[in-house]
PDB file of N, CA and C in Angstrom:
ATOM      1  N   UNK A   1      17.555 -25.110 -24.014  1.00  0.00           N
ATOM      2  CA  UNK A   1      17.440 -24.821 -22.599  1.00  0.00           C
ATOM      3  C   UNK A   1      17.535 -23.308 -22.415  1.00  0.00           C
ATOM      4  N   UNK A   2      16.634 -22.749 -21.599  1.00  0.00           N
ATOM      5  CA  UNK A   2      16.714 -21.320 -21.346  1.00  0.00           C
ATOM      6  C   UNK A   2      17.045 -21.079 -19.885  1.00  0.00           C
ATOM      7  N   UNK A   3      17.730 -19.996 -19.645  1.00  0.00           N
ATOM      8  CA  UNK A   3      18.145 -19.652 -18.288  1.00  0.00           C
ATOM      9  C   UNK A   3      17.448 -18.372 -17.870  1.00  0.00           C
ATOM     10  N   UNK A   4      17.144 -18.252 -16.616  1.00  0.00           N
ATOM     11  CA  UNK A   4      16.498 -17.068 -16.101  1.00  0.00           C
ATOM     12  C   UNK A   4      14.994 -17.250 -15.993  1.00  0.00           C
ATOM     13  N   UNK A   5      14.375 -16.226 -15.456  1.00  0.00           N
ATOM     14  CA  UNK A   5      12.937 -16.208 -15.245  1.00  0.00           C
ATOM     15  C   UNK A   5      12.342 -15.213 -16.222  1.00  0.00           C
ATOM     16  N   UNK A   6      11.292 -15.639 -16.924  1.00  0.00           N
ATOM     17  CA  UNK A   6      10.691 -14.819 -17.981  1.00  0.00           C
ATOM     18  C   UNK A   6       9.325 -14.309 -17.532  1.00  0.00           C
ATOM     19  N   UNK A   7       9.138 -13.005 -17.690  1.00  0.00           N
ATOM     20  CA  UNK A   7       7.886 -12.369 -17.319  1.00  0.00           C
ATOM     21  C   UNK A   7       7.339 -11.624 -18.528  1.00  0.00           C
ATOM     22  N   UNK A   8       6.052 -11.795 -18.776  1.00  0.00           N
ATOM     23  CA  UNK A   8       5.358 -11.117 -19.859  1.00  0.00           C
ATOM     24  C   UNK A   8       4.972  -9.732 -19.351  1.00  0.00           C
ATOM     25  N   UNK A   9       5.140  -8.686 -20.193  1.00  0.00           N
ATOM     26  CA  UNK A   9       4.883  -7.307 -19.780  1.00  0.00           C
ATOM     27  C   UNK A   9       3.732  -6.699 -20.564  1.00  0.00           C
ATOM     28  N   UNK A  10       2.771  -6.106 -19.837  1.00  0.00           N
ATOM     29  CA  UNK A  10       1.687  -5.368 -20.471  1.00  0.00           C
ATOM     30  C   UNK A  10       1.470  -4.048 -19.726  1.00  0.00           C
ATOM     31  N   UNK A  11       0.800  -3.120 -20.399  1.00  0.00           N
ATOM     32  CA  UNK A  11       0.381  -1.867 -19.766  1.00  0.00           C
ATOM     33  C   UNK A  11      -1.007  -2.068 -19.160  1.00  0.00           C
ATOM     34  N   UNK A  12      -1.451  -1.107 -18.358  1.00  0.00           N
ATOM     35  CA  UNK A  12      -2.746  -1.246 -17.681  1.00  0.00           C
ATOM     36  C   UNK A  12      -3.928  -1.291 -18.648  1.00  0.00           C
ATOM     37  N   UNK A  13      -3.733  -0.808 -19.900  1.00  0.00           N
ATOM     38  CA  UNK A  13      -4.809  -0.900 -20.895  1.00  0.00           C
ATOM     39  C   UNK A  13      -4.754  -2.217 -21.670  1.00  0.00           C
ATOM     40  N   UNK A  14      -3.956  -3.166 -21.199  1.00  0.00           N
ATOM     41  CA  UNK A  14      -3.793  -4.518 -21.751  1.00  0.00           C
ATOM     42  C   UNK A  14      -3.009  -4.566 -23.065  1.00  0.00           C
ATOM     43  N   UNK A  15      -2.382  -3.457 -23.468  1.00  0.00           N
ATOM     44  CA  UNK A  15      -1.508  -3.494 -24.646  1.00  0.00           C
ATOM     45  C   UNK A  15      -0.134  -3.992 -24.216  1.00  0.00           C
ATOM     46  N   UNK A  16       0.552  -4.619 -25.138  1.00  0.00           N
ATOM     47  CA  UNK A  16       1.897  -5.131 -24.847  1.00  0.00           C
ATOM     48  C   UNK A  16       2.858  -3.974 -24.603  1.00  0.00           C
ATOM     49  N   UNK A  17       3.706  -4.139 -23.613  1.00  0.00           N
ATOM     50  CA  UNK A  17       4.759  -3.163 -23.357  1.00  0.00           C
ATOM     51  C   UNK A  17       5.868  -3.378 -24.384  1.00  0.00           C
ATOM     52  N   UNK A  18       6.769  -2.425 -24.492  1.00  0.00           N
ATOM     53  CA  UNK A  18       7.922  -2.550 -25.379  1.00  0.00           C
ATOM     54  C   UNK A  18       9.172  -2.386 -24.536  1.00  0.00           C
ATOM     55  N   UNK A  19       9.864  -3.467 -24.232  1.00  0.00           N
ATOM     56  CA  UNK A  19       9.734  -4.821 -24.751  1.00  0.00           C
ATOM     57  C   UNK A  19       8.558  -5.550 -24.099  1.00  0.00           C
ATOM     58  N   UNK A  20       8.151  -6.635 -24.716  1.00  0.00           N
ATOM     59  CA  UNK A  20       7.015  -7.406 -24.233  1.00  0.00           C
ATOM     60  C   UNK A  20       7.381  -8.505 -23.256  1.00  0.00           C
ATOM     61  N   UNK A  21       8.695  -8.669 -23.022  1.00  0.00           N
ATOM     62  CA  UNK A  21       9.164  -9.729 -22.140  1.00  0.00           C
ATOM     63  C   UNK A  21      10.348  -9.226 -21.337  1.00  0.00           C
ATOM     64  N   UNK A  22      10.447  -9.671 -20.109  1.00  0.00           N
ATOM     65  CA  UNK A  22      11.540  -9.326 -19.207  1.00  0.00           C
ATOM     66  C   UNK A  22      12.156 -10.625 -18.718  1.00  0.00           C
ATOM     67  N   UNK A  23      13.472 -10.794 -18.918  1.00  0.00           N
ATOM     68  CA  UNK A  23      14.189 -11.985 -18.470  1.00  0.00           C
ATOM     69  C   UNK A  23      15.162 -11.557 -17.385  1.00  0.00           C
ATOM     70  N   UNK A  24      15.146 -12.274 -16.269  1.00  0.00           N
ATOM     71  CA  UNK A  24      15.957 -11.893 -15.122  1.00  0.00           C
ATOM     72  C   UNK A  24      16.428 -13.131 -14.354  1.00  0.00           C
ATOM     73  N   UNK A  25      17.461 -12.967 -13.573  1.00  0.00           N
ATOM     74  CA  UNK A  25      17.943 -14.038 -12.696  1.00  0.00           C
ATOM     75  C   UNK A  25      17.184 -14.035 -11.370  1.00  0.00           C
ATOM     76  N   UNK A  26      16.369 -12.998 -11.145  1.00  0.00           N
ATOM     77  CA  UNK A  26      15.640 -12.840  -9.889  1.00  0.00           C
ATOM     78  C   UNK A  26      14.228 -13.418 -10.046  1.00  0.00           C
ATOM     79  N   UNK A  27      13.856 -14.404  -9.227  1.00  0.00           N
ATOM     80  CA  UNK A  27      12.542 -15.032  -9.388  1.00  0.00           C
ATOM     81  C   UNK A  27      11.395 -14.295  -8.699  1.00  0.00           C
ATOM     82  N   UNK A  28      11.691 -13.518  -7.669  1.00  0.00           N
ATOM     83  CA  UNK A  28      10.631 -12.907  -6.863  1.00  0.00           C
ATOM     84  C   UNK A  28      10.585 -11.397  -7.062  1.00  0.00           C
ATOM     85  N   UNK A  29       9.401 -10.895  -7.439  1.00  0.00           N
ATOM     86  CA  UNK A  29       9.185  -9.466  -7.650  1.00  0.00           C
ATOM     87  C   UNK A  29       7.900  -9.067  -6.942  1.00  0.00           C
ATOM     88  N   UNK A  30       7.796  -7.776  -6.606  1.00  0.00           N
ATOM     89  CA  UNK A  30       6.633  -7.263  -5.892  1.00  0.00           C
ATOM     90  C   UNK A  30       6.076  -6.035  -6.603  1.00  0.00           C
ATOM     91  N   UNK A  31       4.803  -5.770  -6.382  1.00  0.00           N
ATOM     92  CA  UNK A  31       4.198  -4.541  -6.883  1.00  0.00           C
ATOM     93  C   UNK A  31       4.993  -3.367  -6.313  1.00  0.00           C
ATOM     94  N   UNK A  32       5.317  -2.404  -7.177  1.00  0.00           N
ATOM     95  CA  UNK A  32       6.119  -1.248  -6.779  1.00  0.00           C
ATOM     96  C   UNK A  32       7.586  -1.360  -7.141  1.00  0.00           C
ATOM     97  N   UNK A  33       8.060  -2.595  -7.390  1.00  0.00           N
ATOM     98  CA  UNK A  33       9.458  -2.771  -7.807  1.00  0.00           C
ATOM     99  C   UNK A  33       9.674  -2.138  -9.170  1.00  0.00           C
ATOM    100  N   UNK A  34      10.889  -1.637  -9.401  1.00  0.00           N
ATOM    101  CA  UNK A  34      11.268  -1.058 -10.682  1.00  0.00           C
ATOM    102  C   UNK A  34      12.402  -1.863 -11.287  1.00  0.00           C
ATOM    103  N   UNK A  35      12.442  -1.889 -12.612  1.00  0.00           N
ATOM    104  CA  UNK A  35      13.490  -2.634 -13.310  1.00  0.00           C
ATOM    105  C   UNK A  35      13.741  -2.008 -14.671  1.00  0.00           C
ATOM    106  N   UNK A  36      14.887  -2.337 -15.260  1.00  0.00           N
ATOM    107  CA  UNK A  36      15.259  -1.898 -16.602  1.00  0.00           C
ATOM    108  C   UNK A  36      15.090  -3.074 -17.549  1.00  0.00           C
ATOM    109  N   UNK A  37      14.550  -2.810 -18.748  1.00  0.00           N
ATOM    110  CA  UNK A  37      14.324  -3.900 -19.697  1.00  0.00           C
ATOM    111  C   UNK A  37      14.577  -3.429 -21.123  1.00  0.00           C
ATOM    112  N   UNK A  38      14.956  -4.380 -21.967  1.00  0.00           N
ATOM    113  CA  UNK A  38      15.151  -4.108 -23.385  1.00  0.00           C
ATOM    114  C   UNK A  38      16.514  -3.516 -23.686  1.00  0.00           C
ATOM    115  N   UNK A  39      16.827  -3.455 -24.965  1.00  0.00           N
ATOM    116  CA  UNK A  39      18.130  -2.929 -25.378  1.00  0.00           C
ATOM    117  C   UNK A  39      18.265  -1.438 -25.080  1.00  0.00           C
ATOM    118  N   UNK A  40      17.124  -0.728 -24.988  1.00  0.00           N
ATOM    119  CA  UNK A  40      17.144   0.700 -24.667  1.00  0.00           C
ATOM    120  C   UNK A  40      17.133   0.942 -23.156  1.00  0.00           C
ATOM    121  N   UNK A  41      17.117  -0.137 -22.384  1.00  0.00           N
ATOM    122  CA  UNK A  41      17.070  -0.076 -20.925  1.00  0.00           C
ATOM    123  C   UNK A  41      15.970   0.856 -20.428  1.00  0.00           C
ATOM    124  N   UNK A  42      14.760   0.588 -20.888  1.00  0.00           N
ATOM    125  CA  UNK A  42      13.609   1.358 -20.419  1.00  0.00           C
ATOM    126  C   UNK A  42      13.309   0.956 -18.970  1.00  0.00           C
ATOM    127  N   UNK A  43      12.924   1.959 -18.186  1.00  0.00           N
ATOM    128  CA  UNK A  43      12.622   1.716 -16.778  1.00  0.00           C
ATOM    129  C   UNK A  43      11.118   1.573 -16.590  1.00  0.00           C
ATOM    130  N   UNK A  44      10.720   0.497 -15.884  1.00  0.00           N
ATOM    131  CA  UNK A  44       9.321   0.205 -15.613  1.00  0.00           C
ATOM    132  C   UNK A  44       9.096   0.011 -14.123  1.00  0.00           C
ATOM    133  N   UNK A  45       7.867   0.261 -13.691  1.00  0.00           N
ATOM    134  CA  UNK A  45       7.418  -0.038 -12.332  1.00  0.00           C
ATOM    135  C   UNK A  45       6.285  -1.061 -12.443  1.00  0.00           C
ATOM    136  N   UNK A  46       6.331  -2.071 -11.597  1.00  0.00           N
ATOM    137  CA  UNK A  46       5.292  -3.099 -11.581  1.00  0.00           C
ATOM    138  C   UNK A  46       4.085  -2.560 -10.821  1.00  0.00           C
ATOM    139  N   UNK A  47       2.908  -2.586 -11.471  1.00  0.00           N
ATOM    140  CA  UNK A  47       1.682  -2.131 -10.803  1.00  0.00           C
ATOM    141  C   UNK A  47       0.740  -3.295 -10.473  1.00  0.00           C
ATOM    142  N   UNK A  48       0.947  -4.450 -11.086  1.00  0.00           N
ATOM    143  CA  UNK A  48       0.170  -5.650 -10.759  1.00  0.00           C
ATOM    144  C   UNK A  48       0.941  -6.875 -11.231  1.00  0.00           C
ATOM    145  N   UNK A  49       0.729  -7.980 -10.536  1.00  0.00           N
ATOM    146  CA  UNK A  49       1.350  -9.259 -10.898  1.00  0.00           C
ATOM    147  C   UNK A  49       0.241 -10.296 -10.984  1.00  0.00           C
ATOM    148  N   UNK A  50       0.169 -10.985 -12.124  1.00  0.00           N
ATOM    149  CA  UNK A  50      -0.864 -11.992 -12.344  1.00  0.00           C
ATOM    150  C   UNK A  50      -0.244 -13.293 -12.833  1.00  0.00           C
ATOM    151  N   UNK A  51      -1.097 -14.293 -12.972  1.00  0.00           N
ATOM    152  CA  UNK A  51      -0.667 -15.588 -13.489  1.00  0.00           C
ATOM    153  C   UNK A  51      -0.144 -15.421 -14.918  1.00  0.00           C
ATOM    154  N   UNK A  52       0.842 -16.211 -15.301  1.00  0.00           N
ATOM    155  CA  UNK A  52       1.405 -16.097 -16.650  1.00  0.00           C
ATOM    156  C   UNK A  52       0.406 -16.533 -17.720  1.00  0.00           C
ATOM    157  N   UNK A  53       0.535 -15.971 -18.943  1.00  0.00           N
ATOM    158  CA  UNK A  53      -0.353 -16.351 -20.033  1.00  0.00           C
ATOM    159  C   UNK A  53      -0.070 -17.751 -20.585  1.00  0.00           C
ATOM    160  N   UNK A  54       1.105 -18.286 -20.293  1.00  0.00           N
ATOM    161  CA  UNK A  54       1.468 -19.631 -20.751  1.00  0.00           C
ATOM    162  C   UNK A  54       2.544 -20.200 -19.843  1.00  0.00           C
ATOM    163  N   UNK A  55       2.857 -21.471 -20.036  1.00  0.00           N
ATOM    164  CA  UNK A  55       3.893 -22.116 -19.230  1.00  0.00           C
ATOM    165  C   UNK A  55       5.291 -21.617 -19.560  1.00  0.00           C
ATOM    166  N   UNK A  56       5.428 -20.830 -20.621  1.00  0.00           N
ATOM    167  CA  UNK A  56       6.732 -20.291 -21.004  1.00  0.00           C
ATOM    168  C   UNK A  56       7.167 -19.122 -20.124  1.00  0.00           C
ATOM    169  N   UNK A  57       6.245 -18.607 -19.307  1.00  0.00           N
ATOM    170  CA  UNK A  57       6.521 -17.438 -18.473  1.00  0.00           C
ATOM    171  C   UNK A  57       6.264 -17.762 -17.008  1.00  0.00           C
ATOM    172  N   UNK A  58       6.955 -17.039 -16.107  1.00  0.00           N
ATOM    173  CA  UNK A  58       6.751 -17.216 -14.673  1.00  0.00           C
ATOM    174  C   UNK A  58       5.646 -16.301 -14.149  1.00  0.00           C
ATOM    175  N   UNK A  59       5.326 -15.243 -14.884  1.00  0.00           N
ATOM    176  CA  UNK A  59       4.294 -14.329 -14.430  1.00  0.00           C
ATOM    177  C   UNK A  59       3.967 -13.289 -15.476  1.00  0.00           C
ATOM    178  N   UNK A  60       2.927 -12.530 -15.194  1.00  0.00           N
ATOM    179  CA  UNK A  60       2.485 -11.434 -16.048  1.00  0.00           C
ATOM    180  C   UNK A  60       2.574 -10.166 -15.218  1.00  0.00           C
ATOM    181  N   UNK A  61       3.420  -9.238 -15.643  1.00  0.00           N
ATOM    182  CA  UNK A  61       3.557  -7.964 -14.951  1.00  0.00           C
ATOM    183  C   UNK A  61       2.779  -6.903 -15.717  1.00  0.00           C
ATOM    184  N   UNK A  62       1.887  -6.197 -15.024  1.00  0.00           N
ATOM    185  CA  UNK A  62       1.320  -4.974 -15.566  1.00  0.00           C
ATOM    186  C   UNK A  62       2.273  -3.877 -15.114  1.00  0.00           C
ATOM    187  N   UNK A  63       2.751  -3.085 -16.067  1.00  0.00           N
ATOM    188  CA  UNK A  63       3.801  -2.114 -15.779  1.00  0.00           C
ATOM    189  C   UNK A  63       3.415  -0.716 -16.237  1.00  0.00           C
ATOM    190  N   UNK A  64       4.121   0.258 -15.672  1.00  0.00           N
ATOM    191  CA  UNK A  64       4.013   1.633 -16.148  1.00  0.00           C
ATOM    192  C   UNK A  64       5.445   2.143 -16.351  1.00  0.00           C
ATOM    193  N   UNK A  65       5.652   2.971 -17.382  1.00  0.00           N
ATOM    194  CA  UNK A  65       6.986   3.510 -17.596  1.00  0.00           C
ATOM    195  C   UNK A  65       7.337   4.485 -16.475  1.00  0.00           C
ATOM    196  N   UNK A  66       8.621   4.528 -16.132  1.00  0.00           N
ATOM    197  CA  UNK A  66       9.121   5.448 -15.122  1.00  0.00           C
ATOM    198  C   UNK A  66       9.990   6.477 -15.822  1.00  0.00           C
ATOM    199  N   UNK A  67       9.647   7.731 -15.664  1.00  0.00           N
ATOM    200  CA  UNK A  67      10.446   8.809 -16.256  1.00  0.00           C
ATOM    201  C   UNK A  67      11.603   9.131 -15.332  1.00  0.00           C
ATOM    202  N   UNK A  68      12.704   9.417 -15.930  1.00  0.00           N
ATOM    203  CA  UNK A  68      13.894   9.790 -15.136  1.00  0.00           C
ATOM    204  C   UNK A  68      13.844  11.249 -14.769  1.00  0.00           C
TER     205      UNK A  68
END
């Protein structure tokens, strides 16, 4: 059993982001939202939201890195 909502992450050139998956307790996200992901806590901004690539995910986020 898994807990949380899983989103697949890609860049706008369709390459996988690092990390390639984001797990969160929050089910609803919008274009422009920012979040931290991975053990390095990289910051990303959502630039598009699409249907998930499989039933294992709730959505597909196209993301861009956010510089501090």
